[in-house]
Amino acid sequence: MGLSILGTGSYTPEHKLTNEDFTEFIETNDEWIRTRTGIRSRRVADGEPTWYMGAQAARAAIEAAGIDPTEIGLIIDTTITQDFCTPSTSCIIQRETGAVNAACFDLNAACSGFVYALDMAHRFLKTEPSARYALVLANEQLSRITNYEDRSSCILFGDGAAAAVVEYKADALYSSHLGADGTGAKFLFARTALPASPFIDAEKAAQKWDDFDEGIIGRYAHCMKQDGKEVYRFATQAMPKAAAAAAEKIGFDLQELDRIVPHQANIRIIETAMKNMKLPMEKAVVNIAEHGNTSSASIPIALDEAVRSGQIKRGDKICLVGFGAGLTYAAVIMEY
């Protein structure tokens, strides 16, 4: 009941935003950011659409896999910062890659999205004999929904994309666990940027949204807001929980893992989650210093860089694990 990754690819914008750059418009400094987050810089798009970043990553993954894109039977895109309400970003990726035989849909599980999508691809390929490969990609432009007047959160986020071509492999190591806690939805969210309907009753609408303490008005009304303490508390427990649940399904010992690729949200979260899993930090793939938090693109960017740098090699037992708005959490254990 396995899954094999045939090729990975990633794309990050050229424009780099360093910690020092933030000192020009908010009260902060490089040391404060680095010691609290582990981030030194992040890439931000200065003209690339979200779909364009995804297409670049997808092409690199297809090239690395060495396959004909017409053999791809499914494309799943996990962006939360899509360029269009419709069509789906996955349909645009199909157009850009020539994967003309692929079914396409987008999946929103926030920062857990790539892991969710890998598992959906596994289930699809296992039950659809006509589909040989699936393309799973994450492309995010969080600079679109970042409040750059909020000094506590604007320093965290970056833009980028990554993708993987996968195939079903019956005898390969594989297990997964997906979960969510919707009661925590109010701790990390971004309202849609769509204008209100002309039929909206403002007083009635306000009553329905009482559970979400937005606190963001004007130009940043659609931007992310998070309760950092609650998110930290959730993340440091949810990632170990997801990894342990996936391992338990197949009687796998997490100590046998060669590498863990966690969501790159905050270095302190990664360190605490690894400690809770009783695993050394040396096994964690960490690239947050140069990318920041790129939501669903975070895990696959780290995966691609680890593969291309030799940190992850064929035969390695790996765990991809993340958490995100929703609140969602997910883990996949597999052999690379």
C-alpha atoms as a PDB file:
ATOM      1  CA  MET A   1       0.000   0.000   0.000  1.00  0.00           C
ATOM      2  CA  GLY A   2       2.902   2.313  -0.749  1.00  0.00           C
ATOM      3  CA  LEU A   3       3.819   5.448  -2.598  1.00  0.00           C
ATOM      4  CA  SER A   4       7.048   6.310  -4.365  1.00  0.00           C
ATOM      5  CA  ILE A   5       8.352   9.817  -5.039  1.00  0.00           C
ATOM      6  CA  LEU A   6       9.876   9.831  -8.508  1.00  0.00           C
ATOM      7  CA  GLY A   7      10.963  13.455  -8.670  1.00  0.00           C
ATOM      8  CA  THR A   8      10.775  16.759  -6.824  1.00  0.00           C
ATOM      9  CA  GLY A   9      11.150  20.386  -7.819  1.00  0.00           C
ATOM     10  CA  SER A  10      10.882  23.826  -6.266  1.00  0.00           C
ATOM     11  CA  TYR A  11      10.835  27.504  -7.130  1.00  0.00           C
ATOM     12  CA  THR A  12      11.394  30.579  -4.989  1.00  0.00           C
ATOM     13  CA  PRO A  13      11.268  34.205  -6.163  1.00  0.00           C
ATOM     14  CA  GLU A  14      14.530  36.070  -6.655  1.00  0.00           C
ATOM     15  CA  HIS A  15      13.508  38.976  -4.435  1.00  0.00           C
ATOM     16  CA  LYS A  16      14.883  38.441  -0.922  1.00  0.00           C
ATOM     17  CA  LEU A  17      13.509  40.242   2.121  1.00  0.00           C
ATOM     18  CA  THR A  18      16.037  40.194   4.958  1.00  0.00           C
ATOM     19  CA  ASN A  19      15.412  40.859   8.630  1.00  0.00           C
ATOM     20  CA  GLU A  20      17.182  44.182   8.267  1.00  0.00           C
ATOM     21  CA  ASP A  21      14.703  45.220   5.585  1.00  0.00           C
ATOM     22  CA  PHE A  22      11.897  45.068   8.143  1.00  0.00           C
ATOM     23  CA  THR A  23      13.570  47.720  10.279  1.00  0.00           C
ATOM     24  CA  GLU A  24      12.638  50.264   7.606  1.00  0.00           C
ATOM     25  CA  PHE A  25       8.909  50.034   8.301  1.00  0.00           C
ATOM     26  CA  ILE A  26       8.375  48.337  11.708  1.00  0.00           C
ATOM     27  CA  GLU A  27      10.110  48.423  15.078  1.00  0.00           C
ATOM     28  CA  THR A  28      12.248  45.292  15.121  1.00  0.00           C
ATOM     29  CA  ASN A  29      15.802  44.076  14.576  1.00  0.00           C
ATOM     30  CA  ASP A  30      17.632  41.096  13.138  1.00  0.00           C
ATOM     31  CA  GLU A  31      18.584  39.561  16.491  1.00  0.00           C
ATOM     32  CA  TRP A  32      15.013  39.726  17.827  1.00  0.00           C
ATOM     33  CA  ILE A  33      13.680  37.917  14.740  1.00  0.00           C
ATOM     34  CA  ARG A  34      16.411  35.287  14.549  1.00  0.00           C
ATOM     35  CA  THR A  35      16.330  34.308  18.218  1.00  0.00           C
ATOM     36  CA  ARG A  36      12.538  33.958  18.292  1.00  0.00           C
ATOM     37  CA  THR A  37      11.901  32.370  14.903  1.00  0.00           C
ATOM     38  CA  GLY A  38      15.153  31.108  13.385  1.00  0.00           C
ATOM     39  CA  ILE A  39      14.489  33.179  10.253  1.00  0.00           C
ATOM     40  CA  ARG A  40      17.149  35.341   8.579  1.00  0.00           C
ATOM     41  CA  SER A  41      15.432  36.039   5.255  1.00  0.00           C
ATOM     42  CA  ARG A  42      12.508  35.025   3.097  1.00  0.00           C
ATOM     43  CA  ARG A  43      11.666  35.289  -0.603  1.00  0.00           C
ATOM     44  CA  VAL A  44       8.707  37.370  -1.755  1.00  0.00           C
ATOM     45  CA  ALA A  45       7.156  37.535  -5.194  1.00  0.00           C
ATOM     46  CA  ASP A  46       7.505  40.864  -6.968  1.00  0.00           C
ATOM     47  CA  GLY A  47       5.422  40.034 -10.015  1.00  0.00           C
ATOM     48  CA  GLU A  48       5.148  36.250 -10.268  1.00  0.00           C
ATOM     49  CA  PRO A  49       1.572  34.957  -9.979  1.00  0.00           C
ATOM     50  CA  THR A  50       1.019  32.027  -7.651  1.00  0.00           C
ATOM     51  CA  TRP A  51       0.260  29.727 -10.602  1.00  0.00           C
ATOM     52  CA  TYR A  52       3.538  30.719 -12.287  1.00  0.00           C
ATOM     53  CA  MET A  53       5.596  29.693  -9.262  1.00  0.00           C
ATOM     54  CA  GLY A  54       3.732  26.394  -9.131  1.00  0.00           C
ATOM     55  CA  ALA A  55       4.266  25.750 -12.827  1.00  0.00           C
ATOM     56  CA  GLN A  56       8.025  26.274 -12.476  1.00  0.00           C
ATOM     57  CA  ALA A  57       8.187  23.807  -9.586  1.00  0.00           C
ATOM     58  CA  ALA A  58       5.967  21.300 -11.400  1.00  0.00           C
ATOM     59  CA  ARG A  59       8.136  21.356 -14.520  1.00  0.00           C
ATOM     60  CA  ALA A  60      11.244  20.739 -12.391  1.00  0.00           C
ATOM     61  CA  ALA A  61       9.582  17.789 -10.648  1.00  0.00           C
ATOM     62  CA  ILE A  62       8.438  16.256 -13.943  1.00  0.00           C
ATOM     63  CA  GLU A  63      11.933  16.652 -15.383  1.00  0.00           C
ATOM     64  CA  ALA A  64      13.481  15.057 -12.283  1.00  0.00           C
ATOM     65  CA  ALA A  65      11.023  12.150 -12.520  1.00  0.00           C
ATOM     66  CA  GLY A  66      11.866  11.629 -16.192  1.00  0.00           C
ATOM     67  CA  ILE A  67       8.265  10.950 -17.193  1.00  0.00           C
ATOM     68  CA  ASP A  68       5.943  12.002 -19.986  1.00  0.00           C
ATOM     69  CA  PRO A  69       3.464  14.537 -18.494  1.00  0.00           C
ATOM     70  CA  THR A  70       0.643  12.972 -20.526  1.00  0.00           C
ATOM     71  CA  GLU A  71       0.934   9.956 -18.197  1.00  0.00           C
ATOM     72  CA  ILE A  72      -0.015  12.038 -15.148  1.00  0.00           C
ATOM     73  CA  GLY A  73      -3.515  11.041 -14.081  1.00  0.00           C
ATOM     74  CA  LEU A  74      -4.076  13.536 -11.265  1.00  0.00           C
ATOM     75  CA  ILE A  75      -2.930  17.010 -10.271  1.00  0.00           C
ATOM     76  CA  ILE A  76      -3.587  18.317  -6.763  1.00  0.00           C
ATOM     77  CA  ASP A  77      -2.662  21.917  -5.926  1.00  0.00           C
ATOM     78  CA  THR A  78      -2.660  22.988  -2.285  1.00  0.00           C
ATOM     79  CA  THR A  79      -2.448  26.776  -2.485  1.00  0.00           C
ATOM     80  CA  ILE A  80      -4.352  29.038  -0.096  1.00  0.00           C
ATOM     81  CA  THR A  81      -3.321  32.130  -2.099  1.00  0.00           C
ATOM     82  CA  GLN A  82      -4.790  31.316  -5.479  1.00  0.00           C
ATOM     83  CA  ASP A  83      -4.940  33.895  -8.265  1.00  0.00           C
ATOM     84  CA  PHE A  84      -8.518  33.024  -9.223  1.00  0.00           C
ATOM     85  CA  CYS A  85     -11.691  31.939  -7.456  1.00  0.00           C
ATOM     86  CA  THR A  86     -12.139  29.760 -10.501  1.00  0.00           C
ATOM     87  CA  PRO A  87     -10.652  28.000 -12.420  1.00  0.00           C
ATOM     88  CA  SER A  88      -8.650  25.934  -9.973  1.00  0.00           C
ATOM     89  CA  THR A  89      -4.926  26.534  -9.899  1.00  0.00           C
ATOM     90  CA  SER A  90      -4.434  22.840 -10.694  1.00  0.00           C
ATOM     91  CA  CYS A  91      -6.168  23.352 -14.049  1.00  0.00           C
ATOM     92  CA  ILE A  92      -3.733  26.135 -14.894  1.00  0.00           C
ATOM     93  CA  ILE A  93      -0.834  23.871 -13.891  1.00  0.00           C
ATOM     94  CA  GLN A  94      -2.213  21.229 -16.247  1.00  0.00           C
ATOM     95  CA  ARG A  95      -2.201  23.788 -19.052  1.00  0.00           C
ATOM     96  CA  GLU A  96       1.365  24.838 -18.269  1.00  0.00           C
ATOM     97  CA  THR A  97       2.825  21.333 -17.976  1.00  0.00           C
ATOM     98  CA  GLY A  98       0.988  19.522 -20.776  1.00  0.00           C
ATOM     99  CA  ALA A  99      -0.501  16.960 -18.376  1.00  0.00           C
ATOM    100  CA  VAL A 100      -3.573  16.790 -20.596  1.00  0.00           C
ATOM    101  CA  ASN A 101      -4.929  13.520 -19.185  1.00  0.00           C
ATOM    102  CA  ALA A 102      -4.940  14.572 -15.550  1.00  0.00           C
ATOM    103  CA  ALA A 103      -7.963  15.155 -13.359  1.00  0.00           C
ATOM    104  CA  CYS A 104      -7.444  18.405 -11.447  1.00  0.00           C
ATOM    105  CA  PHE A 105      -8.547  19.858  -8.149  1.00  0.00           C
ATOM    106  CA  ASP A 106      -7.292  22.187  -5.421  1.00  0.00           C
ATOM    107  CA  LEU A 107      -7.100  21.208  -1.754  1.00  0.00           C
ATOM    108  CA  ASN A 108      -7.076  23.631   1.173  1.00  0.00           C
ATOM    109  CA  ALA A 109      -5.598  22.275   4.391  1.00  0.00           C
ATOM    110  CA  ALA A 110      -3.314  25.293   4.899  1.00  0.00           C
ATOM    111  CA  CYS A 111       0.224  24.376   5.965  1.00  0.00           C
ATOM    112  CA  SER A 112      -0.680  20.675   6.177  1.00  0.00           C
ATOM    113  CA  GLY A 113      -1.875  20.778   2.582  1.00  0.00           C
ATOM    114  CA  PHE A 114       1.015  19.024   0.861  1.00  0.00           C
ATOM    115  CA  VAL A 115       0.881  16.057   3.232  1.00  0.00           C
ATOM    116  CA  TYR A 116      -2.904  15.865   2.883  1.00  0.00           C
ATOM    117  CA  ALA A 117      -2.522  15.945  -0.900  1.00  0.00           C
ATOM    118  CA  LEU A 118       0.123  13.212  -0.932  1.00  0.00           C
ATOM    119  CA  ASP A 119      -2.285  10.956   0.906  1.00  0.00           C
ATOM    120  CA  MET A 120      -5.138  11.833  -1.450  1.00  0.00           C
ATOM    121  CA  ALA A 121      -2.876  11.030  -4.410  1.00  0.00           C
ATOM    122  CA  HIS A 122      -1.992   7.689  -2.813  1.00  0.00           C
ATOM    123  CA  ARG A 123      -5.646   6.774  -2.399  1.00  0.00           C
ATOM    124  CA  PHE A 124      -6.465   7.849  -5.976  1.00  0.00           C
ATOM    125  CA  LEU A 125      -3.602   5.942  -7.599  1.00  0.00           C
ATOM    126  CA  LYS A 126      -4.379   2.836  -5.558  1.00  0.00           C
ATOM    127  CA  THR A 127      -7.972   2.689  -6.835  1.00  0.00           C
ATOM    128  CA  GLU A 128      -7.646   4.116 -10.356  1.00  0.00           C
ATOM    129  CA  PRO A 129      -5.820   1.634 -12.616  1.00  0.00           C
ATOM    130  CA  SER A 130      -5.751   4.021 -15.584  1.00  0.00           C
ATOM    131  CA  ALA A 131      -3.697   6.607 -13.667  1.00  0.00           C
ATOM    132  CA  ARG A 132       0.023   5.909 -13.528  1.00  0.00           C
ATOM    133  CA  TYR A 133       1.365   9.076 -11.885  1.00  0.00           C
ATOM    134  CA  ALA A 134       0.114  11.990  -9.791  1.00  0.00           C
ATOM    135  CA  LEU A 135       1.543  15.492  -9.504  1.00  0.00           C
ATOM    136  CA  VAL A 136       1.216  17.087  -6.077  1.00  0.00           C
ATOM    137  CA  LEU A 137       2.240  20.703  -5.730  1.00  0.00           C
ATOM    138  CA  ALA A 138       2.123  23.585  -3.289  1.00  0.00           C
ATOM    139  CA  ASN A 139       2.506  27.175  -4.399  1.00  0.00           C
ATOM    140  CA  GLU A 140       2.045  30.027  -1.965  1.00  0.00           C
ATOM    141  CA  GLN A 141       2.251  33.807  -2.056  1.00  0.00           C
ATOM    142  CA  LEU A 142       1.721  34.637   1.591  1.00  0.00           C
ATOM    143  CA  SER A 143       2.960  38.189   1.021  1.00  0.00           C
ATOM    144  CA  ARG A 144      -0.560  38.763  -0.349  1.00  0.00           C
ATOM    145  CA  ILE A 145      -2.209  38.032   2.987  1.00  0.00           C
ATOM    146  CA  THR A 146       0.437  39.285   5.414  1.00  0.00           C
ATOM    147  CA  ASN A 147      -0.251  42.322   7.580  1.00  0.00           C
ATOM    148  CA  TYR A 148       2.995  44.265   7.303  1.00  0.00           C
ATOM    149  CA  GLU A 149       1.986  46.522  10.185  1.00  0.00           C
ATOM    150  CA  ASP A 150       1.861  43.571  12.608  1.00  0.00           C
ATOM    151  CA  ARG A 151       5.443  43.220  13.859  1.00  0.00           C
ATOM    152  CA  SER A 152       4.766  39.883  15.523  1.00  0.00           C
ATOM    153  CA  SER A 153       3.571  38.063  12.399  1.00  0.00           C
ATOM    154  CA  CYS A 154       4.794  39.851   9.256  1.00  0.00           C
ATOM    155  CA  ILE A 155       8.357  38.659   9.835  1.00  0.00           C
ATOM    156  CA  LEU A 156       7.314  35.008   9.571  1.00  0.00           C
ATOM    157  CA  PHE A 157       6.036  34.558   6.051  1.00  0.00           C
ATOM    158  CA  GLY A 158       7.525  34.067   2.604  1.00  0.00           C
ATOM    159  CA  ASP A 159       6.589  32.918  -0.891  1.00  0.00           C
ATOM    160  CA  GLY A 160       7.544  29.869  -2.912  1.00  0.00           C
ATOM    161  CA  ALA A 161       6.468  26.639  -4.541  1.00  0.00           C
ATOM    162  CA  ALA A 162       7.420  22.980  -4.722  1.00  0.00           C
ATOM    163  CA  ALA A 163       6.093  19.811  -6.309  1.00  0.00           C
ATOM    164  CA  ALA A 164       6.496  16.052  -6.417  1.00  0.00           C
ATOM    165  CA  VAL A 165       5.636  13.384  -8.981  1.00  0.00           C
ATOM    166  CA  VAL A 166       4.491  10.185  -7.288  1.00  0.00           C
ATOM    167  CA  GLU A 167       3.388   6.710  -8.282  1.00  0.00           C
ATOM    168  CA  TYR A 168       1.634   3.890  -6.439  1.00  0.00           C
ATOM    169  CA  LYS A 169       3.977   1.131  -5.342  1.00  0.00           C
ATOM    170  CA  ALA A 170       2.306  -1.821  -3.656  1.00  0.00           C
ATOM    171  CA  ASP A 171       5.299  -3.089  -1.684  1.00  0.00           C
ATOM    172  CA  ALA A 172       6.684   0.266  -0.496  1.00  0.00           C
ATOM    173  CA  LEU A 173       6.733   1.534   3.083  1.00  0.00           C
ATOM    174  CA  TYR A 174       3.794   3.856   3.603  1.00  0.00           C
ATOM    175  CA  SER A 175       1.494   5.078   6.337  1.00  0.00           C
ATOM    176  CA  SER A 176      -0.382   8.288   7.015  1.00  0.00           C
ATOM    177  CA  HIS A 177      -2.496  10.098   9.536  1.00  0.00           C
ATOM    178  CA  LEU A 178      -4.647  13.151   8.820  1.00  0.00           C
ATOM    179  CA  GLY A 179      -6.535  15.136  11.415  1.00  0.00           C
ATOM    180  CA  ALA A 180      -8.091  18.451  12.337  1.00  0.00           C
ATOM    181  CA  ASP A 181      -9.476  20.406  15.271  1.00  0.00           C
ATOM    182  CA  GLY A 182     -12.016  22.893  13.959  1.00  0.00           C
ATOM    183  CA  THR A 183     -12.534  24.391  17.404  1.00  0.00           C
ATOM    184  CA  GLY A 184      -9.176  26.106  16.877  1.00  0.00           C
ATOM    185  CA  ALA A 185     -10.133  27.721  13.573  1.00  0.00           C
ATOM    186  CA  LYS A 186     -10.259  31.153  15.217  1.00  0.00           C
ATOM    187  CA  PHE A 187      -6.596  30.935  16.264  1.00  0.00           C
ATOM    188  CA  LEU A 188      -5.231  31.265  12.727  1.00  0.00           C
ATOM    189  CA  PHE A 189      -7.272  32.613   9.844  1.00  0.00           C
ATOM    190  CA  ALA A 190      -7.530  35.052   6.946  1.00  0.00           C
ATOM    191  CA  ARG A 191     -10.845  36.375   5.698  1.00  0.00           C
ATOM    192  CA  THR A 192     -11.569  36.233   1.980  1.00  0.00           C
ATOM    193  CA  ALA A 193     -10.752  39.340  -0.016  1.00  0.00           C
ATOM    194  CA  LEU A 194     -14.002  39.019  -1.975  1.00  0.00           C
ATOM    195  CA  PRO A 195     -16.342  42.008  -1.636  1.00  0.00           C
ATOM    196  CA  ALA A 196     -19.543  41.578   0.360  1.00  0.00           C
ATOM    197  CA  SER A 197     -22.805  40.827  -1.397  1.00  0.00           C
ATOM    198  CA  PRO A 198     -25.100  43.872  -1.800  1.00  0.00           C
ATOM    199  CA  PHE A 199     -27.764  41.919   0.104  1.00  0.00           C
ATOM    200  CA  ILE A 200     -25.743  41.591   3.315  1.00  0.00           C
ATOM    201  CA  ASP A 201     -27.312  42.833   6.557  1.00  0.00           C
ATOM    202  CA  ALA A 202     -24.281  44.215   8.410  1.00  0.00           C
ATOM    203  CA  GLU A 203     -25.740  43.705  11.894  1.00  0.00           C
ATOM    204  CA  LYS A 204     -26.751  40.121  11.190  1.00  0.00           C
ATOM    205  CA  ALA A 205     -23.395  39.354   9.598  1.00  0.00           C
ATOM    206  CA  ALA A 206     -21.519  40.757  12.600  1.00  0.00           C
ATOM    207  CA  GLN A 207     -23.383  38.409  14.929  1.00  0.00           C
ATOM    208  CA  LYS A 208     -22.374  35.388  12.847  1.00  0.00           C
ATOM    209  CA  TRP A 209     -18.687  36.318  13.015  1.00  0.00           C
ATOM    210  CA  ASP A 210     -18.470  36.959  16.757  1.00  0.00           C
ATOM    211  CA  ASP A 211     -16.316  33.855  17.249  1.00  0.00           C
ATOM    212  CA  PHE A 212     -13.524  35.401  15.172  1.00  0.00           C
ATOM    213  CA  ASP A 213     -11.820  38.314  16.893  1.00  0.00           C
ATOM    214  CA  GLU A 214     -10.496  39.866  13.712  1.00  0.00           C
ATOM    215  CA  GLY A 215      -8.960  43.136  14.835  1.00  0.00           C
ATOM    216  CA  ILE A 216      -7.740  43.906  11.317  1.00  0.00           C
ATOM    217  CA  ILE A 217      -9.322  46.732   9.338  1.00  0.00           C
ATOM    218  CA  GLY A 218      -8.652  48.778   6.227  1.00  0.00           C
ATOM    219  CA  ARG A 219      -6.037  47.627   3.720  1.00  0.00           C
ATOM    220  CA  TYR A 220      -5.180  44.539   5.810  1.00  0.00           C
ATOM    221  CA  ALA A 221      -8.751  43.365   6.410  1.00  0.00           C
ATOM    222  CA  HIS A 222      -8.151  40.158   4.438  1.00  0.00           C
ATOM    223  CA  CYS A 223      -4.805  39.337   6.043  1.00  0.00           C
ATOM    224  CA  MET A 224      -3.821  36.550   8.396  1.00  0.00           C
ATOM    225  CA  LYS A 225      -4.337  36.857  12.102  1.00  0.00           C
ATOM    226  CA  GLN A 226      -3.001  34.344  14.579  1.00  0.00           C
ATOM    227  CA  ASP A 227      -2.891  33.700  18.277  1.00  0.00           C
ATOM    228  CA  GLY A 228       0.766  32.745  18.532  1.00  0.00           C
ATOM    229  CA  LYS A 229       0.552  31.041  21.927  1.00  0.00           C
ATOM    230  CA  GLU A 230      -2.379  28.861  20.922  1.00  0.00           C
ATOM    231  CA  VAL A 231      -0.792  27.921  17.612  1.00  0.00           C
ATOM    232  CA  TYR A 232       2.471  27.004  19.346  1.00  0.00           C
ATOM    233  CA  ARG A 233       0.629  24.880  21.900  1.00  0.00           C
ATOM    234  CA  PHE A 234      -1.280  23.063  19.172  1.00  0.00           C
ATOM    235  CA  ALA A 235       1.670  22.572  16.815  1.00  0.00           C
ATOM    236  CA  THR A 236       4.091  21.115  19.345  1.00  0.00           C
ATOM    237  CA  GLN A 237       1.554  18.453  20.279  1.00  0.00           C
ATOM    238  CA  ALA A 238      -0.158  17.859  16.914  1.00  0.00           C
ATOM    239  CA  MET A 239       2.955  17.022  14.886  1.00  0.00           C
ATOM    240  CA  PRO A 240       4.182  14.321  17.297  1.00  0.00           C
ATOM    241  CA  LYS A 241       0.611  13.024  17.546  1.00  0.00           C
ATOM    242  CA  ALA A 242       0.291  12.711  13.765  1.00  0.00           C
ATOM    243  CA  ALA A 243       3.679  11.015  13.352  1.00  0.00           C
ATOM    244  CA  ALA A 244       2.994   8.561  16.190  1.00  0.00           C
ATOM    245  CA  ALA A 245      -0.459   7.698  14.812  1.00  0.00           C
ATOM    246  CA  ALA A 246       0.940   7.033  11.333  1.00  0.00           C
ATOM    247  CA  ALA A 247       3.686   4.850  12.799  1.00  0.00           C
ATOM    248  CA  GLU A 248       1.291   2.889  14.982  1.00  0.00           C
ATOM    249  CA  LYS A 249      -0.815   1.846  11.989  1.00  0.00           C
ATOM    250  CA  ILE A 250       2.043  -0.205  10.573  1.00  0.00           C
ATOM    251  CA  GLY A 251       3.962  -1.039  13.732  1.00  0.00           C
ATOM    252  CA  PHE A 252       6.784   1.311  12.799  1.00  0.00           C
ATOM    253  CA  ASP A 253       9.288   2.665  15.304  1.00  0.00           C
ATOM    254  CA  LEU A 254       9.894   6.398  14.793  1.00  0.00           C
ATOM    255  CA  GLN A 255      13.472   5.854  15.938  1.00  0.00           C
ATOM    256  CA  GLU A 256      14.056   4.066  12.615  1.00  0.00           C
ATOM    257  CA  LEU A 257      13.447   7.275  10.666  1.00  0.00           C
ATOM    258  CA  ASP A 258      16.415   8.651   8.779  1.00  0.00           C
ATOM    259  CA  ARG A 259      14.902  12.093   8.274  1.00  0.00           C
ATOM    260  CA  ILE A 260      11.881  14.135   9.355  1.00  0.00           C
ATOM    261  CA  VAL A 261      10.723  16.984   7.125  1.00  0.00           C
ATOM    262  CA  PRO A 262       8.553  19.199   9.352  1.00  0.00           C
ATOM    263  CA  HIS A 263       6.553  22.273   8.508  1.00  0.00           C
ATOM    264  CA  GLN A 264       8.903  25.258   8.727  1.00  0.00           C
ATOM    265  CA  ALA A 265       6.875  27.646  10.879  1.00  0.00           C
ATOM    266  CA  ASN A 266       9.229  28.492  13.721  1.00  0.00           C
ATOM    267  CA  ILE A 267      12.497  26.914  14.841  1.00  0.00           C
ATOM    268  CA  ARG A 268      11.232  26.683  18.418  1.00  0.00           C
ATOM    269  CA  ILE A 269       8.190  24.715  17.289  1.00  0.00           C
ATOM    270  CA  ILE A 270      10.410  22.294  15.353  1.00  0.00           C
ATOM    271  CA  GLU A 271      12.775  21.858  18.292  1.00  0.00           C
ATOM    272  CA  THR A 272       9.953  21.219  20.767  1.00  0.00           C
ATOM    273  CA  ALA A 273       8.128  18.838  18.414  1.00  0.00           C
ATOM    274  CA  MET A 274      11.314  16.843  17.840  1.00  0.00           C
ATOM    275  CA  LYS A 275      11.893  16.670  21.590  1.00  0.00           C
ATOM    276  CA  ASN A 276       8.319  15.448  22.095  1.00  0.00           C
ATOM    277  CA  MET A 277       8.972  12.723  19.509  1.00  0.00           C
ATOM    278  CA  LYS A 278      12.196  11.832  21.355  1.00  0.00           C
ATOM    279  CA  LEU A 279      14.181  12.350  18.168  1.00  0.00           C
ATOM    280  CA  PRO A 280      17.434  14.326  17.768  1.00  0.00           C
ATOM    281  CA  MET A 281      17.357  17.614  15.874  1.00  0.00           C
ATOM    282  CA  GLU A 282      20.020  16.174  13.563  1.00  0.00           C
ATOM    283  CA  LYS A 283      17.283  14.133  11.893  1.00  0.00           C
ATOM    284  CA  ALA A 284      15.154  17.187  11.094  1.00  0.00           C
ATOM    285  CA  VAL A 285      15.441  18.893   7.714  1.00  0.00           C
ATOM    286  CA  VAL A 286      15.444  22.610   8.513  1.00  0.00           C
ATOM    287  CA  ASN A 287      15.577  25.442   5.975  1.00  0.00           C
ATOM    288  CA  ILE A 288      13.486  28.057   7.770  1.00  0.00           C
ATOM    289  CA  ALA A 289      16.427  30.478   8.001  1.00  0.00           C
ATOM    290  CA  GLU A 290      16.289  31.275   4.288  1.00  0.00           C
ATOM    291  CA  HIS A 291      12.587  30.783   3.531  1.00  0.00           C
ATOM    292  CA  GLY A 292      10.462  31.554   6.567  1.00  0.00           C
ATOM    293  CA  ASN A 293       7.002  30.033   6.665  1.00  0.00           C
ATOM    294  CA  THR A 294       5.669  29.366   3.151  1.00  0.00           C
ATOM    295  CA  SER A 295       2.533  27.531   4.309  1.00  0.00           C
ATOM    296  CA  SER A 296       1.799  24.398   2.255  1.00  0.00           C
ATOM    297  CA  ALA A 297       4.957  24.949   0.175  1.00  0.00           C
ATOM    298  CA  SER A 298       7.129  24.716   3.284  1.00  0.00           C
ATOM    299  CA  ILE A 299       7.456  20.924   3.542  1.00  0.00           C
ATOM    300  CA  PRO A 300       7.973  20.216  -0.184  1.00  0.00           C
ATOM    301  CA  ILE A 301      10.531  23.038  -0.582  1.00  0.00           C
ATOM    302  CA  ALA A 302      12.501  21.537   2.313  1.00  0.00           C
ATOM    303  CA  LEU A 303      12.078  18.070   0.798  1.00  0.00           C
ATOM    304  CA  ASP A 304      13.323  19.144  -2.628  1.00  0.00           C
ATOM    305  CA  GLU A 305      16.331  20.957  -1.200  1.00  0.00           C
ATOM    306  CA  ALA A 306      17.181  17.971   0.991  1.00  0.00           C
ATOM    307  CA  VAL A 307      16.963  15.589  -1.951  1.00  0.00           C
ATOM    308  CA  ARG A 308      19.062  17.774  -4.236  1.00  0.00           C
ATOM    309  CA  SER A 309      21.690  18.411  -1.552  1.00  0.00           C
ATOM    310  CA  GLY A 310      21.961  14.730  -0.621  1.00  0.00           C
ATOM    311  CA  GLN A 311      20.505  15.096   2.878  1.00  0.00           C
ATOM    312  CA  ILE A 312      17.819  12.638   1.779  1.00  0.00           C
ATOM    313  CA  LYS A 313      18.907   9.658  -0.303  1.00  0.00           C
ATOM    314  CA  ARG A 314      17.137   6.759  -1.986  1.00  0.00           C
ATOM    315  CA  GLY A 315      16.129   4.185   0.564  1.00  0.00           C
ATOM    316  CA  ASP A 316      15.888   6.652   3.436  1.00  0.00           C
ATOM    317  CA  LYS A 317      12.859   6.294   5.687  1.00  0.00           C
ATOM    318  CA  ILE A 318      11.304   9.732   6.010  1.00  0.00           C
ATOM    319  CA  CYS A 319       8.382  11.403   7.728  1.00  0.00           C
ATOM    320  CA  LEU A 320       6.686  14.487   6.317  1.00  0.00           C
ATOM    321  CA  VAL A 321       4.718  16.150   9.094  1.00  0.00           C
ATOM    322  CA  GLY A 322       2.910  19.445   9.440  1.00  0.00           C
ATOM    323  CA  PHE A 323       0.165  21.502  11.005  1.00  0.00           C
ATOM    324  CA  GLY A 324      -1.798  24.491   9.832  1.00  0.00           C
ATOM    325  CA  ALA A 325      -4.862  26.687   9.993  1.00  0.00           C
ATOM    326  CA  GLY A 326      -8.054  24.811  10.501  1.00  0.00           C
ATOM    327  CA  LEU A 327      -6.502  23.668  12.715  1.00  0.00           C
ATOM    328  CA  THR A 328      -5.135  20.759  10.663  1.00  0.00           C
ATOM    329  CA  TYR A 329      -2.326  18.289  11.166  1.00  0.00           C
ATOM    330  CA  ALA A 330      -0.920  15.442   9.076  1.00  0.00           C
ATOM    331  CA  ALA A 331       1.955  13.008   8.738  1.00  0.00           C
ATOM    332  CA  VAL A 332       3.161  10.580   6.090  1.00  0.00           C
ATOM    333  CA  ILE A 333       5.816   7.935   6.709  1.00  0.00           C
ATOM    334  CA  MET A 334       7.420   6.514   3.590  1.00  0.00           C
ATOM    335  CA  GLU A 335      10.629   5.419   1.949  1.00  0.00           C
ATOM    336  CA  TYR A 336      12.205   7.902  -0.428  1.00  0.00           C
END
